[in-house]
Amino acid sequence: DYLNLGFRLTAAAGSDLPWGSTIGEVRTYVHVGPKLDIDAWYAGLKAGNTFVTNGPALEFTVDGKPPGSEIKKQPGEKVKVVAKAWGHPKVGRPQVLSLVDNDGVIKEVVNDDKRTEISIEVEVPVERSRWIVAGTICDNKALAHTTPVYVIVNDGPTWCPKRGPIVIDKML
């Protein structure tokens, strides 16, 4: 809902103890490059180069850019969206991998073969600004979700003209 109102959100996790799970079960992963560096970790968190998970791992790029990025496009151009989810069977094997934007599901892959890894690669036409995210849910209900990539067309906002007013009515 908040993304459809134009807010930019970074995926970050925490434990809701004692009402939810156990301490440390849900984690925030930050892309820092090939070497762990605490300054790069904080910079990556601030930039939104993150995904949250309680089991599976996710990779996600739009035009080669990581979560949290902003990409400028013209109406009618396309973006290349690539996502991959994987998990160990004892932690959670990905069952569904989804790409979602302002309007709903762009593409979804179901893992009927019980593989430990599933992926999507698709070109998406853009006519207006939008956000795009990747998410997965596992056979044991573990899940992971990315921060959005923001695709900007003609400097327009990423809020959803169709869903934004519905969210505002719901909030009121």
C-alpha atoms as a PDB file:
ATOM      1  CA  ASP A   1       0.000   0.000   0.000  1.00  0.00           C
ATOM      2  CA  TYR A   2       2.708   2.513   0.927  1.00  0.00           C
ATOM      3  CA  LEU A   3       4.634   1.881  -2.279  1.00  0.00           C
ATOM      4  CA  ASN A   4       1.435   2.594  -4.212  1.00  0.00           C
ATOM      5  CA  LEU A   5       1.223   5.929  -2.378  1.00  0.00           C
ATOM      6  CA  GLY A   6       4.695   6.846  -3.631  1.00  0.00           C
ATOM      7  CA  PHE A   7       6.712   6.165  -0.470  1.00  0.00           C
ATOM      8  CA  ARG A   8      10.152   4.670  -0.975  1.00  0.00           C
ATOM      9  CA  LEU A   9      10.758   1.860   1.473  1.00  0.00           C
ATOM     10  CA  THR A  10      13.852  -0.191   2.254  1.00  0.00           C
ATOM     11  CA  ALA A  11      13.260  -3.826   3.169  1.00  0.00           C
ATOM     12  CA  ALA A  12      14.677  -4.321   6.665  1.00  0.00           C
ATOM     13  CA  ALA A  13      13.821  -7.071   9.130  1.00  0.00           C
ATOM     14  CA  GLY A  14      13.568  -7.482  12.860  1.00  0.00           C
ATOM     15  CA  SER A  15      12.260  -9.935  15.407  1.00  0.00           C
ATOM     16  CA  ASP A  16       8.827  -9.410  16.944  1.00  0.00           C
ATOM     17  CA  LEU A  17       9.503 -11.215  20.181  1.00  0.00           C
ATOM     18  CA  PRO A  18       7.621 -12.436  22.211  1.00  0.00           C
ATOM     19  CA  TRP A  19       4.611 -12.244  19.860  1.00  0.00           C
ATOM     20  CA  GLY A  20       6.183 -13.642  16.742  1.00  0.00           C
ATOM     21  CA  SER A  21       9.110 -15.822  15.943  1.00  0.00           C
ATOM     22  CA  THR A  22      12.474 -16.269  17.626  1.00  0.00           C
ATOM     23  CA  ILE A  23      15.254 -13.702  17.911  1.00  0.00           C
ATOM     24  CA  GLY A  24      17.278 -13.482  14.692  1.00  0.00           C
ATOM     25  CA  GLU A  25      14.921 -15.618  12.637  1.00  0.00           C
ATOM     26  CA  VAL A  26      14.174 -12.838  10.155  1.00  0.00           C
ATOM     27  CA  ARG A  27      17.248 -11.212   8.643  1.00  0.00           C
ATOM     28  CA  THR A  28      18.220  -8.296   6.443  1.00  0.00           C
ATOM     29  CA  TYR A  29      20.826  -9.009   3.769  1.00  0.00           C
ATOM     30  CA  VAL A  30      22.685  -6.107   2.153  1.00  0.00           C
ATOM     31  CA  HIS A  31      24.635  -6.331  -1.099  1.00  0.00           C
ATOM     32  CA  VAL A  32      28.126  -4.982  -0.394  1.00  0.00           C
ATOM     33  CA  GLY A  33      30.149  -6.491  -3.236  1.00  0.00           C
ATOM     34  CA  PRO A  34      32.820  -9.172  -3.083  1.00  0.00           C
ATOM     35  CA  LYS A  35      34.277  -8.179   0.319  1.00  0.00           C
ATOM     36  CA  LEU A  36      32.458  -7.595   3.603  1.00  0.00           C
ATOM     37  CA  ASP A  37      33.012  -4.039   4.770  1.00  0.00           C
ATOM     38  CA  ILE A  38      30.929  -2.481   7.535  1.00  0.00           C
ATOM     39  CA  ASP A  39      30.905   0.977   5.896  1.00  0.00           C
ATOM     40  CA  ALA A  40      29.725  -0.594   2.615  1.00  0.00           C
ATOM     41  CA  TRP A  41      27.059  -2.498   4.580  1.00  0.00           C
ATOM     42  CA  TYR A  42      25.632   0.713   6.059  1.00  0.00           C
ATOM     43  CA  ALA A  43      25.854   2.495   2.693  1.00  0.00           C
ATOM     44  CA  GLY A  44      24.064  -0.442   1.022  1.00  0.00           C
ATOM     45  CA  LEU A  45      21.353  -0.433   3.697  1.00  0.00           C
ATOM     46  CA  LYS A  46      20.855   3.319   3.245  1.00  0.00           C
ATOM     47  CA  ALA A  47      20.664   2.828  -0.553  1.00  0.00           C
ATOM     48  CA  GLY A  48      18.114   0.011  -0.149  1.00  0.00           C
ATOM     49  CA  ASN A  49      20.333  -2.702  -1.670  1.00  0.00           C
ATOM     50  CA  THR A  50      18.530  -5.253   0.529  1.00  0.00           C
ATOM     51  CA  PHE A  51      16.278  -8.234   0.856  1.00  0.00           C
ATOM     52  CA  VAL A  52      14.682  -9.716   3.962  1.00  0.00           C
ATOM     53  CA  THR A  53      14.235 -13.400   4.666  1.00  0.00           C
ATOM     54  CA  ASN A  54      13.481 -16.048   7.240  1.00  0.00           C
ATOM     55  CA  GLY A  55      14.943 -18.780   5.044  1.00  0.00           C
ATOM     56  CA  PRO A  56      15.469 -18.502   1.284  1.00  0.00           C
ATOM     57  CA  ALA A  57      17.928 -16.235  -0.519  1.00  0.00           C
ATOM     58  CA  LEU A  58      17.072 -13.839  -3.369  1.00  0.00           C
ATOM     59  CA  GLU A  59      18.944 -12.138  -6.166  1.00  0.00           C
ATOM     60  CA  PHE A  60      17.141  -9.371  -8.041  1.00  0.00           C
ATOM     61  CA  THR A  61      18.146  -6.803 -10.645  1.00  0.00           C
ATOM     62  CA  VAL A  62      16.391  -4.501 -13.086  1.00  0.00           C
ATOM     63  CA  ASP A  63      18.599  -3.549 -16.041  1.00  0.00           C
ATOM     64  CA  GLY A  64      21.485  -4.927 -13.980  1.00  0.00           C
ATOM     65  CA  LYS A  65      20.782  -2.581 -11.047  1.00  0.00           C
ATOM     66  CA  PRO A  66      20.184  -3.912  -7.513  1.00  0.00           C
ATOM     67  CA  PRO A  67      17.215  -3.273  -5.214  1.00  0.00           C
ATOM     68  CA  GLY A  68      16.952   0.345  -4.093  1.00  0.00           C
ATOM     69  CA  SER A  69      18.142   1.669  -7.454  1.00  0.00           C
ATOM     70  CA  GLU A  70      16.406   4.216  -9.639  1.00  0.00           C
ATOM     71  CA  ILE A  71      16.358   3.737 -13.412  1.00  0.00           C
ATOM     72  CA  LYS A  72      15.299   6.435 -15.892  1.00  0.00           C
ATOM     73  CA  LYS A  73      13.328   5.315 -18.962  1.00  0.00           C
ATOM     74  CA  GLN A  74      11.218   6.800 -21.733  1.00  0.00           C
ATOM     75  CA  PRO A  75       7.651   5.639 -22.471  1.00  0.00           C
ATOM     76  CA  GLY A  76       7.661   2.475 -24.573  1.00  0.00           C
ATOM     77  CA  GLU A  77      11.131   1.352 -23.487  1.00  0.00           C
ATOM     78  CA  LYS A  78      11.645  -1.930 -21.649  1.00  0.00           C
ATOM     79  CA  VAL A  79      13.503  -3.024 -18.551  1.00  0.00           C
ATOM     80  CA  LYS A  80      15.139  -6.429 -18.143  1.00  0.00           C
ATOM     81  CA  VAL A  81      14.134  -7.989 -14.829  1.00  0.00           C
ATOM     82  CA  VAL A  82      16.108 -10.938 -13.436  1.00  0.00           C
ATOM     83  CA  ALA A  83      15.314 -12.731 -10.191  1.00  0.00           C
ATOM     84  CA  LYS A  84      16.554 -15.930  -8.593  1.00  0.00           C
ATOM     85  CA  ALA A  85      15.471 -17.648  -5.375  1.00  0.00           C
ATOM     86  CA  TRP A  86      17.152 -20.585  -3.739  1.00  0.00           C
ATOM     87  CA  GLY A  87      17.097 -22.443  -0.465  1.00  0.00           C
ATOM     88  CA  HIS A  88      18.220 -25.617   1.206  1.00  0.00           C
ATOM     89  CA  PRO A  89      15.447 -28.220   1.623  1.00  0.00           C
ATOM     90  CA  LYS A  90      15.926 -28.169   5.436  1.00  0.00           C
ATOM     91  CA  VAL A  91      15.555 -24.371   5.534  1.00  0.00           C
ATOM     92  CA  GLY A  92      12.938 -23.894   2.833  1.00  0.00           C
ATOM     93  CA  ARG A  93      12.878 -24.824  -0.830  1.00  0.00           C
ATOM     94  CA  PRO A  94      11.407 -22.015  -3.005  1.00  0.00           C
ATOM     95  CA  GLN A  95       7.935 -22.966  -4.213  1.00  0.00           C
ATOM     96  CA  VAL A  96       6.916 -19.711  -5.957  1.00  0.00           C
ATOM     97  CA  LEU A  97       9.007 -16.792  -7.237  1.00  0.00           C
ATOM     98  CA  SER A  98       7.077 -13.627  -8.108  1.00  0.00           C
ATOM     99  CA  LEU A  99       7.804 -10.282  -9.722  1.00  0.00           C
ATOM    100  CA  VAL A 100       5.323  -7.618  -8.664  1.00  0.00           C
ATOM    101  CA  ASP A 101       4.796  -3.947  -9.545  1.00  0.00           C
ATOM    102  CA  ASN A 102       2.190  -1.231  -8.902  1.00  0.00           C
ATOM    103  CA  ASP A 103      -0.410  -3.118 -10.925  1.00  0.00           C
ATOM    104  CA  GLY A 104       0.159  -6.575  -9.403  1.00  0.00           C
ATOM    105  CA  VAL A 105       1.983  -9.723 -10.499  1.00  0.00           C
ATOM    106  CA  ILE A 106       4.197  -9.252 -13.563  1.00  0.00           C
ATOM    107  CA  LYS A 107       5.332 -12.875 -13.718  1.00  0.00           C
ATOM    108  CA  GLU A 108       5.346 -15.863 -11.415  1.00  0.00           C
ATOM    109  CA  VAL A 109       7.196 -19.177 -11.575  1.00  0.00           C
ATOM    110  CA  VAL A 110       6.016 -22.240  -9.644  1.00  0.00           C
ATOM    111  CA  ASN A 111       8.584 -24.863  -8.648  1.00  0.00           C
ATOM    112  CA  ASP A 112       6.696 -28.100  -9.320  1.00  0.00           C
ATOM    113  CA  ASP A 113       9.971 -30.034  -9.669  1.00  0.00           C
ATOM    114  CA  LYS A 114      11.090 -29.339  -6.078  1.00  0.00           C
ATOM    115  CA  ARG A 115      14.378 -27.796  -7.264  1.00  0.00           C
ATOM    116  CA  THR A 116      16.441 -25.852  -4.749  1.00  0.00           C
ATOM    117  CA  GLU A 117      16.672 -22.888  -7.146  1.00  0.00           C
ATOM    118  CA  ILE A 118      14.185 -21.129  -9.429  1.00  0.00           C
ATOM    119  CA  SER A 119      14.576 -18.039 -11.585  1.00  0.00           C
ATOM    120  CA  ILE A 120      12.800 -15.545 -13.826  1.00  0.00           C
ATOM    121  CA  GLU A 121      14.150 -13.400 -16.624  1.00  0.00           C
ATOM    122  CA  VAL A 122      11.691 -11.123 -18.426  1.00  0.00           C
ATOM    123  CA  GLU A 123      11.557  -7.852 -20.322  1.00  0.00           C
ATOM    124  CA  VAL A 124       8.858  -5.500 -19.071  1.00  0.00           C
ATOM    125  CA  PRO A 125       7.584  -2.544 -21.128  1.00  0.00           C
ATOM    126  CA  VAL A 126       7.195   0.706 -19.217  1.00  0.00           C
ATOM    127  CA  GLU A 127       4.754   3.494 -20.009  1.00  0.00           C
ATOM    128  CA  ARG A 128       4.761   5.265 -16.629  1.00  0.00           C
ATOM    129  CA  SER A 129       6.858   5.324 -13.464  1.00  0.00           C
ATOM    130  CA  ARG A 130       6.607   2.261 -11.244  1.00  0.00           C
ATOM    131  CA  TRP A 131       8.274   0.163  -8.589  1.00  0.00           C
ATOM    132  CA  ILE A 132       9.205  -3.515  -9.097  1.00  0.00           C
ATOM    133  CA  VAL A 133      10.001  -6.106  -6.401  1.00  0.00           C
ATOM    134  CA  ALA A 134      10.800  -9.807  -6.194  1.00  0.00           C
ATOM    135  CA  GLY A 135       9.524 -12.206  -3.573  1.00  0.00           C
ATOM    136  CA  THR A 136       9.502 -15.919  -2.897  1.00  0.00           C
ATOM    137  CA  ILE A 137       7.612 -18.281  -0.627  1.00  0.00           C
ATOM    138  CA  CYS A 138       8.856 -21.755   0.231  1.00  0.00           C
ATOM    139  CA  ASP A 139       7.218 -25.122   0.678  1.00  0.00           C
ATOM    140  CA  ASN A 140       7.480 -24.647   4.473  1.00  0.00           C
ATOM    141  CA  LYS A 141       6.048 -21.079   4.252  1.00  0.00           C
ATOM    142  CA  ALA A 142       9.448 -19.387   4.761  1.00  0.00           C
ATOM    143  CA  LEU A 143       9.728 -16.305   2.570  1.00  0.00           C
ATOM    144  CA  ALA A 144      11.964 -13.540   1.257  1.00  0.00           C
ATOM    145  CA  HIS A 145      11.252 -10.111  -0.253  1.00  0.00           C
ATOM    146  CA  THR A 146      13.387  -7.405  -1.874  1.00  0.00           C
ATOM    147  CA  THR A 147      13.432  -3.650  -1.681  1.00  0.00           C
ATOM    148  CA  PRO A 148      11.939  -2.223  -4.898  1.00  0.00           C
ATOM    149  CA  VAL A 149      13.775  -0.944  -7.926  1.00  0.00           C
ATOM    150  CA  TYR A 150      12.161   2.337  -9.010  1.00  0.00           C
ATOM    151  CA  VAL A 151      11.668   2.863 -12.746  1.00  0.00           C
ATOM    152  CA  ILE A 152      11.141   6.554 -13.509  1.00  0.00           C
ATOM    153  CA  VAL A 153       9.449   7.636 -16.751  1.00  0.00           C
ATOM    154  CA  ASN A 154       9.459  11.350 -17.656  1.00  0.00           C
ATOM    155  CA  ASP A 155      10.305  12.227 -14.033  1.00  0.00           C
ATOM    156  CA  GLY A 156       6.860  10.963 -12.958  1.00  0.00           C
ATOM    157  CA  PRO A 157       6.086   9.710  -9.436  1.00  0.00           C
ATOM    158  CA  THR A 158       6.004   5.983  -8.654  1.00  0.00           C
ATOM    159  CA  TRP A 159       2.648   6.086  -6.892  1.00  0.00           C
ATOM    160  CA  CYS A 160      -0.139   4.135  -8.564  1.00  0.00           C
ATOM    161  CA  PRO A 161      -2.935   6.273 -10.056  1.00  0.00           C
ATOM    162  CA  LYS A 162      -5.303   3.278  -9.990  1.00  0.00           C
ATOM    163  CA  ARG A 163      -4.537   1.829  -6.557  1.00  0.00           C
ATOM    164  CA  GLY A 164      -3.355   4.957  -4.692  1.00  0.00           C
ATOM    165  CA  PRO A 165      -6.866   6.424  -4.216  1.00  0.00           C
ATOM    166  CA  ILE A 166      -8.138   3.016  -3.022  1.00  0.00           C
ATOM    167  CA  VAL A 167      -5.373   2.896  -0.403  1.00  0.00           C
ATOM    168  CA  ILE A 168      -6.186   6.429   0.753  1.00  0.00           C
ATOM    169  CA  ASP A 169      -9.881   5.538   1.101  1.00  0.00           C
ATOM    170  CA  LYS A 170      -8.942   2.424   3.079  1.00  0.00           C
ATOM    171  CA  MET A 171      -6.706   4.462   5.400  1.00  0.00           C
ATOM    172  CA  LEU A 172      -9.420   7.065   5.979  1.00  0.00           C
END
